[in-house]
C-alpha atoms as a PDB file:
ATOM      1  CA  UNK A   1     -30.579 -18.523  88.443  1.00  0.00           C
ATOM      2  CA  UNK A   2     -29.271 -18.636  84.856  1.00  0.00           C
ATOM      3  CA  UNK A   3     -32.341 -20.515  83.550  1.00  0.00           C
ATOM      4  CA  UNK A   4     -34.700 -17.825  84.877  1.00  0.00           C
ATOM      5  CA  UNK A   5     -32.580 -15.089  83.288  1.00  0.00           C
ATOM      6  CA  UNK A   6     -32.523 -16.860  79.923  1.00  0.00           C
ATOM      7  CA  UNK A   7     -36.277 -17.494  80.014  1.00  0.00           C
ATOM      8  CA  UNK A   8     -36.854 -13.818  80.789  1.00  0.00           C
ATOM      9  CA  UNK A   9     -34.769 -12.794  77.723  1.00  0.00           C
ATOM     10  CA  UNK A  10     -36.680 -15.278  75.554  1.00  0.00           C
ATOM     11  CA  UNK A  11     -40.035 -14.034  76.882  1.00  0.00           C
ATOM     12  CA  UNK A  12     -39.187 -10.358  76.297  1.00  0.00           C
ATOM     13  CA  UNK A  13     -38.147 -11.111  72.734  1.00  0.00           C
ATOM     14  CA  UNK A  14     -41.354 -13.093  72.138  1.00  0.00           C
ATOM     15  CA  UNK A  15     -43.387 -10.139  73.452  1.00  0.00           C
ATOM     16  CA  UNK A  16     -41.614  -7.732  71.109  1.00  0.00           C
ATOM     17  CA  UNK A  17     -42.288 -10.013  68.113  1.00  0.00           C
ATOM     18  CA  UNK A  18     -45.981 -10.356  69.057  1.00  0.00           C
ATOM     19  CA  UNK A  19     -46.310  -6.570  69.452  1.00  0.00           C
ATOM     20  CA  UNK A  20     -44.637  -5.947  66.083  1.00  0.00           C
ATOM     21  CA  UNK A  21     -46.972  -8.463  64.399  1.00  0.00           C
ATOM     22  CA  UNK A  22     -50.045  -6.812  65.906  1.00  0.00           C
ATOM     23  CA  UNK A  23     -48.852  -3.324  65.031  1.00  0.00           C
ATOM     24  CA  UNK A  24     -47.701  -3.851  61.461  1.00  0.00           C
ATOM     25  CA  UNK A  25     -49.055  -7.140  60.144  1.00  0.00           C
ATOM     26  CA  UNK A  26     -52.428  -7.819  61.749  1.00  0.00           C
ATOM     27  CA  UNK A  27     -53.789  -4.264  61.858  1.00  0.00           C
ATOM     28  CA  UNK A  28     -56.142  -3.334  59.033  1.00  0.00           C
ATOM     29  CA  UNK A  29     -54.677  -0.520  56.985  1.00  0.00           C
ATOM     30  CA  UNK A  30     -56.856   1.802  54.949  1.00  0.00           C
ATOM     31  CA  UNK A  31     -55.237   3.944  52.313  1.00  0.00           C
ATOM     32  CA  UNK A  32     -57.695   6.629  51.259  1.00  0.00           C
ATOM     33  CA  UNK A  33     -55.180   9.397  50.605  1.00  0.00           C
ATOM     34  CA  UNK A  34     -51.664   9.428  49.114  1.00  0.00           C
ATOM     35  CA  UNK A  35     -50.354  10.773  52.448  1.00  0.00           C
ATOM     36  CA  UNK A  36     -51.717   7.731  54.296  1.00  0.00           C
ATOM     37  CA  UNK A  37     -50.145   5.393  51.770  1.00  0.00           C
ATOM     38  CA  UNK A  38     -46.775   7.144  51.877  1.00  0.00           C
ATOM     39  CA  UNK A  39     -46.839   7.166  55.696  1.00  0.00           C
ATOM     40  CA  UNK A  40     -47.547   3.404  55.740  1.00  0.00           C
ATOM     41  CA  UNK A  41     -44.594   2.758  53.401  1.00  0.00           C
ATOM     42  CA  UNK A  42     -42.296   4.763  55.677  1.00  0.00           C
ATOM     43  CA  UNK A  43     -43.647   3.064  58.843  1.00  0.00           C
ATOM     44  CA  UNK A  44     -43.093  -0.414  57.432  1.00  0.00           C
ATOM     45  CA  UNK A  45     -39.607   0.524  56.278  1.00  0.00           C
ATOM     46  CA  UNK A  46     -38.751   1.637  59.835  1.00  0.00           C
ATOM     47  CA  UNK A  47     -40.347  -1.519  61.295  1.00  0.00           C
ATOM     48  CA  UNK A  48     -38.374  -3.730  58.883  1.00  0.00           C
ATOM     49  CA  UNK A  49     -35.114  -1.959  59.794  1.00  0.00           C
ATOM     50  CA  UNK A  50     -35.888  -2.182  63.513  1.00  0.00           C
ATOM     51  CA  UNK A  51     -36.568  -5.913  63.189  1.00  0.00           C
ATOM     52  CA  UNK A  52     -33.235  -6.415  61.429  1.00  0.00           C
ATOM     53  CA  UNK A  53     -31.478  -4.566  64.240  1.00  0.00           C
ATOM     54  CA  UNK A  54     -32.944  -7.083  66.704  1.00  0.00           C
ATOM     55  CA  UNK A  55     -30.877  -9.775  64.989  1.00  0.00           C
ATOM     56  CA  UNK A  56     -27.970  -8.914  67.306  1.00  0.00           C
ATOM     57  CA  UNK A  57     -30.150  -9.545  70.368  1.00  0.00           C
ATOM     58  CA  UNK A  58     -31.497 -12.824  68.957  1.00  0.00           C
ATOM     59  CA  UNK A  59     -27.918 -13.958  68.313  1.00  0.00           C
ATOM     60  CA  UNK A  60     -26.864 -13.041  71.866  1.00  0.00           C
ATOM     61  CA  UNK A  61     -29.815 -14.990  73.296  1.00  0.00           C
ATOM     62  CA  UNK A  62     -28.983 -17.946  71.020  1.00  0.00           C
ATOM     63  CA  UNK A  63     -25.325 -17.924  72.109  1.00  0.00           C
ATOM     64  CA  UNK A  64     -26.306 -17.639  75.780  1.00  0.00           C
ATOM     65  CA  UNK A  65     -28.792 -20.548  75.566  1.00  0.00           C
ATOM     66  CA  UNK A  66     -26.351 -22.769  73.651  1.00  0.00           C
ATOM     67  CA  UNK A  67     -23.564 -21.920  76.107  1.00  0.00           C
ATOM     68  CA  UNK A  68     -25.832 -22.772  79.069  1.00  0.00           C
ATOM     69  CA  UNK A  69     -27.010 -26.027  77.447  1.00  0.00           C
ATOM     70  CA  UNK A  70     -23.414 -27.095  76.882  1.00  0.00           C
ATOM     71  CA  UNK A  71     -22.742 -26.916  80.650  1.00  0.00           C
ATOM     72  CA  UNK A  72     -26.166 -27.664  82.150  1.00  0.00           C
ATOM     73  CA  UNK A  73     -27.512 -31.135  82.973  1.00  0.00           C
ATOM     74  CA  UNK A  74     -29.578 -32.801  80.191  1.00  0.00           C
ATOM     75  CA  UNK A  75     -32.871 -32.301  82.042  1.00  0.00           C
ATOM     76  CA  UNK A  76     -32.643 -28.540  81.469  1.00  0.00           C
ATOM     77  CA  UNK A  77     -31.848 -28.826  77.753  1.00  0.00           C
ATOM     78  CA  UNK A  78     -35.053 -29.747  76.027  1.00  0.00           C
ATOM     79  CA  UNK A  79     -37.436 -26.998  77.210  1.00  0.00           C
ATOM     80  CA  UNK A  80     -34.930 -24.172  76.641  1.00  0.00           C
ATOM     81  CA  UNK A  81     -33.864 -25.533  73.248  1.00  0.00           C
ATOM     82  CA  UNK A  82     -37.518 -25.736  72.186  1.00  0.00           C
ATOM     83  CA  UNK A  83     -38.193 -22.150  73.335  1.00  0.00           C
ATOM     84  CA  UNK A  84     -35.107 -20.945  71.454  1.00  0.00           C
ATOM     85  CA  UNK A  85     -36.176 -22.748  68.242  1.00  0.00           C
ATOM     86  CA  UNK A  86     -39.648 -21.187  68.480  1.00  0.00           C
ATOM     87  CA  UNK A  87     -38.106 -17.726  68.992  1.00  0.00           C
ATOM     88  CA  UNK A  88     -35.735 -18.042  66.015  1.00  0.00           C
ATOM     89  CA  UNK A  89     -38.554 -19.287  63.747  1.00  0.00           C
ATOM     90  CA  UNK A  90     -40.923 -16.497  64.892  1.00  0.00           C
ATOM     91  CA  UNK A  91     -38.237 -13.860  64.429  1.00  0.00           C
ATOM     92  CA  UNK A  92     -37.322 -15.031  60.917  1.00  0.00           C
ATOM     93  CA  UNK A  93     -41.014 -15.143  59.921  1.00  0.00           C
ATOM     94  CA  UNK A  94     -41.545 -11.616  61.273  1.00  0.00           C
ATOM     95  CA  UNK A  95     -38.588 -10.247  59.273  1.00  0.00           C
ATOM     96  CA  UNK A  96     -39.770 -12.017  56.139  1.00  0.00           C
ATOM     97  CA  UNK A  97     -43.376 -10.802  56.483  1.00  0.00           C
ATOM     98  CA  UNK A  98     -42.374  -7.215  57.280  1.00  0.00           C
ATOM     99  CA  UNK A  99     -40.034  -7.144  54.296  1.00  0.00           C
ATOM    100  CA  UNK A 100     -42.723  -8.668  52.052  1.00  0.00           C
ATOM    101  CA  UNK A 101     -45.377  -6.177  53.136  1.00  0.00           C
ATOM    102  CA  UNK A 102     -42.989  -3.252  52.787  1.00  0.00           C
ATOM    103  CA  UNK A 103     -42.037  -4.340  49.249  1.00  0.00           C
ATOM    104  CA  UNK A 104     -45.715  -4.714  48.337  1.00  0.00           C
ATOM    105  CA  UNK A 105     -46.530  -1.206  49.580  1.00  0.00           C
ATOM    106  CA  UNK A 106     -43.445   0.178  47.811  1.00  0.00           C
ATOM    107  CA  UNK A 107     -44.793  -1.317  44.568  1.00  0.00           C
ATOM    108  CA  UNK A 108     -48.245   0.130  45.288  1.00  0.00           C
ATOM    109  CA  UNK A 109     -46.733   3.570  45.907  1.00  0.00           C
ATOM    110  CA  UNK A 110     -44.710   3.297  42.670  1.00  0.00           C
ATOM    111  CA  UNK A 111     -47.910   2.243  40.882  1.00  0.00           C
ATOM    112  CA  UNK A 112     -49.701   5.355  42.185  1.00  0.00           C
ATOM    113  CA  UNK A 113     -46.828   7.639  41.128  1.00  0.00           C
ATOM    114  CA  UNK A 114     -46.804   6.014  37.682  1.00  0.00           C
ATOM    115  CA  UNK A 115     -50.560   6.546  37.356  1.00  0.00           C
ATOM    116  CA  UNK A 116     -50.121  10.244  38.173  1.00  0.00           C
ATOM    117  CA  UNK A 117     -47.317  10.484  35.618  1.00  0.00           C
ATOM    118  CA  UNK A 118     -49.479   9.003  32.830  1.00  0.00           C
ATOM    119  CA  UNK A 119     -52.436  11.209  33.792  1.00  0.00           C
ATOM    120  CA  UNK A 120     -50.176  14.259  33.697  1.00  0.00           C
ATOM    121  CA  UNK A 121     -48.863  13.329  30.233  1.00  0.00           C
ATOM    122  CA  UNK A 122     -52.374  12.760  28.850  1.00  0.00           C
ATOM    123  CA  UNK A 123     -53.727  15.971  30.367  1.00  0.00           C
ATOM    124  CA  UNK A 124     -50.879  17.919  28.729  1.00  0.00           C
ATOM    125  CA  UNK A 125     -51.927  16.387  25.403  1.00  0.00           C
ATOM    126  CA  UNK A 126     -55.558  17.348  26.079  1.00  0.00           C
ATOM    127  CA  UNK A 127     -54.357  20.898  26.813  1.00  0.00           C
ATOM    128  CA  UNK A 128     -52.698  20.932  23.380  1.00  0.00           C
ATOM    129  CA  UNK A 129     -55.954  19.785  21.767  1.00  0.00           C
ATOM    130  CA  UNK A 130     -57.857  22.548  23.575  1.00  0.00           C
ATOM    131  CA  UNK A 131     -55.417  25.158  22.275  1.00  0.00           C
ATOM    132  CA  UNK A 132     -55.554  23.685  18.767  1.00  0.00           C
ATOM    133  CA  UNK A 133     -59.379  23.729  18.795  1.00  0.00           C
ATOM    134  CA  UNK A 134     -59.336  27.398  19.805  1.00  0.00           C
ATOM    135  CA  UNK A 135     -56.798  28.167  17.069  1.00  0.00           C
ATOM    136  CA  UNK A 136     -58.966  26.481  14.413  1.00  0.00           C
ATOM    137  CA  UNK A 137     -62.219  28.031  15.616  1.00  0.00           C
ATOM    138  CA  UNK A 138     -62.315  30.822  13.030  1.00  0.00           C
ATOM    139  CA  UNK A 139     -59.751  29.992  10.391  1.00  0.00           C
ATOM    140  CA  UNK A 140     -59.439  32.723   7.786  1.00  0.00           C
ATOM    141  CA  UNK A 141     -58.156  32.257   4.261  1.00  0.00           C
ATOM    142  CA  UNK A 142     -58.687  29.964   1.351  1.00  0.00           C
ATOM    143  CA  UNK A 143     -58.822  26.206   0.960  1.00  0.00           C
ATOM    144  CA  UNK A 144     -55.036  25.829   1.391  1.00  0.00           C
ATOM    145  CA  UNK A 145     -54.894  27.665   4.725  1.00  0.00           C
ATOM    146  CA  UNK A 146     -57.913  25.762   6.077  1.00  0.00           C
ATOM    147  CA  UNK A 147     -56.420  22.479   4.845  1.00  0.00           C
ATOM    148  CA  UNK A 148     -53.200  23.207   6.789  1.00  0.00           C
ATOM    149  CA  UNK A 149     -55.253  23.798   9.958  1.00  0.00           C
ATOM    150  CA  UNK A 150     -57.103  20.509   9.415  1.00  0.00           C
ATOM    151  CA  UNK A 151     -53.832  18.626   8.868  1.00  0.00           C
ATOM    152  CA  UNK A 152     -52.299  20.012  12.062  1.00  0.00           C
ATOM    153  CA  UNK A 153     -55.411  19.020  14.058  1.00  0.00           C
ATOM    154  CA  UNK A 154     -55.437  15.521  12.559  1.00  0.00           C
ATOM    155  CA  UNK A 155     -51.723  15.068  13.315  1.00  0.00           C
ATOM    156  CA  UNK A 156     -52.366  15.971  16.946  1.00  0.00           C
ATOM    157  CA  UNK A 157     -55.312  13.571  17.117  1.00  0.00           C
ATOM    158  CA  UNK A 158     -53.150  10.670  15.898  1.00  0.00           C
ATOM    159  CA  UNK A 159     -52.140  10.052  19.507  1.00  0.00           C
ATOM    160  CA  UNK A 160     -51.336   6.483  20.623  1.00  0.00           C
ATOM    161  CA  UNK A 161     -53.730   4.745  23.009  1.00  0.00           C
ATOM    162  CA  UNK A 162     -50.841   3.320  25.083  1.00  0.00           C
ATOM    163  CA  UNK A 163     -50.965   5.936  27.842  1.00  0.00           C
ATOM    164  CA  UNK A 164     -54.723   5.657  28.247  1.00  0.00           C
ATOM    165  CA  UNK A 165     -54.471   1.855  28.437  1.00  0.00           C
ATOM    166  CA  UNK A 166     -51.766   2.175  31.104  1.00  0.00           C
ATOM    167  CA  UNK A 167     -53.969   4.563  33.099  1.00  0.00           C
ATOM    168  CA  UNK A 168     -56.841   2.078  32.941  1.00  0.00           C
ATOM    169  CA  UNK A 169     -54.661  -0.878  34.021  1.00  0.00           C
ATOM    170  CA  UNK A 170     -52.852   0.944  36.848  1.00  0.00           C
ATOM    171  CA  UNK A 171     -56.117   2.342  38.205  1.00  0.00           C
ATOM    172  CA  UNK A 172     -57.700  -1.129  38.092  1.00  0.00           C
ATOM    173  CA  UNK A 173     -54.746  -2.645  39.955  1.00  0.00           C
ATOM    174  CA  UNK A 174     -54.968  -0.073  42.749  1.00  0.00           C
ATOM    175  CA  UNK A 175     -58.758   0.017  43.114  1.00  0.00           C
ATOM    176  CA  UNK A 176     -58.966  -3.799  43.100  1.00  0.00           C
ATOM    177  CA  UNK A 177     -56.840  -3.678  46.240  1.00  0.00           C
ATOM    178  CA  UNK A 178     -59.081  -1.006  47.764  1.00  0.00           C
ATOM    179  CA  UNK A 179     -56.229   1.504  47.656  1.00  0.00           C
ATOM    180  CA  UNK A 180     -57.035   5.186  47.030  1.00  0.00           C
ATOM    181  CA  UNK A 181     -60.171   3.911  45.265  1.00  0.00           C
ATOM    182  CA  UNK A 182     -62.334   7.005  45.837  1.00  0.00           C
ATOM    183  CA  UNK A 183     -59.585   9.409  44.769  1.00  0.00           C
ATOM    184  CA  UNK A 184     -58.674   7.346  41.699  1.00  0.00           C
ATOM    185  CA  UNK A 185     -62.330   6.985  40.665  1.00  0.00           C
ATOM    186  CA  UNK A 186     -62.761  10.758  40.931  1.00  0.00           C
ATOM    187  CA  UNK A 187     -59.583  11.476  38.928  1.00  0.00           C
ATOM    188  CA  UNK A 188     -60.496   8.961  36.224  1.00  0.00           C
ATOM    189  CA  UNK A 189     -64.043  10.242  35.864  1.00  0.00           C
ATOM    190  CA  UNK A 190     -62.740  13.788  35.440  1.00  0.00           C
ATOM    191  CA  UNK A 191     -60.076  12.683  32.941  1.00  0.00           C
ATOM    192  CA  UNK A 192     -62.410  10.426  30.908  1.00  0.00           C
ATOM    193  CA  UNK A 193     -65.130  13.108  30.755  1.00  0.00           C
ATOM    194  CA  UNK A 194     -62.635  15.682  29.498  1.00  0.00           C
ATOM    195  CA  UNK A 195     -61.143  13.179  27.050  1.00  0.00           C
ATOM    196  CA  UNK A 196     -64.573  12.291  25.589  1.00  0.00           C
ATOM    197  CA  UNK A 197     -65.673  15.922  25.334  1.00  0.00           C
ATOM    198  CA  UNK A 198     -62.510  17.023  23.539  1.00  0.00           C
ATOM    199  CA  UNK A 199     -62.581  13.996  21.231  1.00  0.00           C
ATOM    200  CA  UNK A 200     -66.162  14.794  20.225  1.00  0.00           C
ATOM    201  CA  UNK A 201     -65.331  18.474  19.766  1.00  0.00           C
ATOM    202  CA  UNK A 202     -62.287  17.548  17.656  1.00  0.00           C
ATOM    203  CA  UNK A 203     -64.429  15.304  15.412  1.00  0.00           C
ATOM    204  CA  UNK A 204     -66.954  18.131  14.988  1.00  0.00           C
ATOM    205  CA  UNK A 205     -64.158  20.573  14.184  1.00  0.00           C
ATOM    206  CA  UNK A 206     -62.642  18.185  11.628  1.00  0.00           C
ATOM    207  CA  UNK A 207     -66.003  17.902   9.846  1.00  0.00           C
ATOM    208  CA  UNK A 208     -66.473  21.674  10.006  1.00  0.00           C
ATOM    209  CA  UNK A 209     -63.020  22.276   8.522  1.00  0.00           C
ATOM    210  CA  UNK A 210     -63.647  19.706   5.789  1.00  0.00           C
ATOM    211  CA  UNK A 211     -66.879  21.549   4.907  1.00  0.00           C
ATOM    212  CA  UNK A 212     -65.029  24.874   4.992  1.00  0.00           C
ATOM    213  CA  UNK A 213     -62.401  23.482   2.617  1.00  0.00           C
ATOM    214  CA  UNK A 214     -65.133  22.295   0.263  1.00  0.00           C
ATOM    215  CA  UNK A 215     -66.865  25.694   0.410  1.00  0.00           C
ATOM    216  CA  UNK A 216     -63.563  27.505  -0.105  1.00  0.00           C
ATOM    217  CA  UNK A 217     -62.740  25.251  -3.063  1.00  0.00           C
ATOM    218  CA  UNK A 218     -66.149  25.966  -4.599  1.00  0.00           C
ATOM    219  CA  UNK A 219     -65.667  29.702  -3.987  1.00  0.00           C
ATOM    220  CA  UNK A 220     -62.175  29.521  -5.498  1.00  0.00           C
ATOM    221  CA  UNK A 221     -63.591  27.663  -8.497  1.00  0.00           C
ATOM    222  CA  UNK A 222     -66.389  30.238  -8.941  1.00  0.00           C
ATOM    223  CA  UNK A 223     -63.900  33.116  -8.653  1.00  0.00           C
ATOM    224  CA  UNK A 224     -61.602  31.422 -11.165  1.00  0.00           C
ATOM    225  CA  UNK A 225     -64.515  30.972 -13.615  1.00  0.00           C
ATOM    226  CA  UNK A 226     -65.516  34.618 -13.118  1.00  0.00           C
ATOM    227  CA  UNK A 227     -61.929  35.722 -13.645  1.00  0.00           C
ATOM    228  CA  UNK A 228     -61.648  33.561 -16.762  1.00  0.00           C
ATOM    229  CA  UNK A 229     -64.969  34.935 -18.026  1.00  0.00           C
ATOM    230  CA  UNK A 230     -63.878  38.523 -17.334  1.00  0.00           C
ATOM    231  CA  UNK A 231     -60.548  37.864 -19.054  1.00  0.00           C
ATOM    232  CA  UNK A 232     -62.388  36.510 -22.107  1.00  0.00           C
ATOM    233  CA  UNK A 233     -64.743  39.521 -22.152  1.00  0.00           C
ATOM    234  CA  UNK A 234     -61.777  41.848 -21.763  1.00  0.00           C
ATOM    235  CA  UNK A 235     -60.043  40.124 -24.637  1.00  0.00           C
ATOM    236  CA  UNK A 236     -63.176  40.442 -26.772  1.00  0.00           C
ATOM    237  CA  UNK A 237     -63.599  44.098 -25.884  1.00  0.00           C
ATOM    238  CA  UNK A 238     -59.962  44.771 -26.624  1.00  0.00           C
ATOM    239  CA  UNK A 239     -60.302  43.053 -30.000  1.00  0.00           C
ATOM    240  CA  UNK A 240     -63.565  44.889 -30.678  1.00  0.00           C
ATOM    241  CA  UNK A 241     -62.017  48.230 -29.783  1.00  0.00           C
ATOM    242  CA  UNK A 242     -59.081  47.472 -32.058  1.00  0.00           C
ATOM    243  CA  UNK A 243     -61.474  46.591 -34.880  1.00  0.00           C
ATOM    244  CA  UNK A 244     -63.323  49.925 -34.432  1.00  0.00           C
ATOM    245  CA  UNK A 245     -60.067  51.828 -34.503  1.00  0.00           C
ATOM    246  CA  UNK A 246     -58.949  49.979 -37.606  1.00  0.00           C
ATOM    247  CA  UNK A 247     -62.320  50.712 -39.307  1.00  0.00           C
ATOM    248  CA  UNK A 248     -62.074  54.399 -38.393  1.00  0.00           C
ATOM    249  CA  UNK A 249     -58.656  54.594 -40.024  1.00  0.00           C
ATOM    250  CA  UNK A 250     -59.876  53.190 -43.388  1.00  0.00           C
ATOM    251  CA  UNK A 251     -60.431  55.981 -46.039  1.00  0.00           C
ATOM    252  CA  UNK A 252     -64.132  56.764 -46.596  1.00  0.00           C
ATOM    253  CA  UNK A 253     -63.950  56.207 -50.353  1.00  0.00           C
ATOM    254  CA  UNK A 254     -62.698  52.692 -49.851  1.00  0.00           C
ATOM    255  CA  UNK A 255     -65.949  51.734 -48.103  1.00  0.00           C
END
């Protein structure tokens, strides 16, 4: 019987839709690791593509039902037409929901990758600060050399807050959704601790260099005064020696 065959096709398609909903839309997903998140994105992409491929079958069922209704007596129309309408609506909703969830997870994955990118950029900057702090640990030379070291450190410290703000916002977005929250919390704590420690160390080093410049300037000033004093003494001694020579050359009777 054609009606039985059509109802069987409709029922099988309904079962597939229900199974897909349970598997991909009603199951609680937990994303505690990047691997789990990436796997979920890939699974939903496959599910979305599989659902789209079922469009051919839905169209065949639709054509078969409409063809049967066109020839069958009116009494057989209503129930089959209603079942077909329910199937088409359910199928379209499934495709829409799968596509929506896949897009959402794609955005979440992109958000995670962006967070990692910003963290990587900021950690590279912190590495530069670490190297700069080591380089300025025991600066030798006078006020000018120390001043150059201070300037280079201050230039490096004039780093925009944009990246750190982005890290904060991206992390908040992900953890609010309960996604990779433990991992993100751990990464942020490590980053923020390092950031604070290096900032504090940089401030201490700046003050230390400023004091060193002041000390060097005072030393330079003292050395300059000593040199000036020695030059004046030397000049006096030279003049005195010249006077003694001149006096020795004067005839005795002239005195």
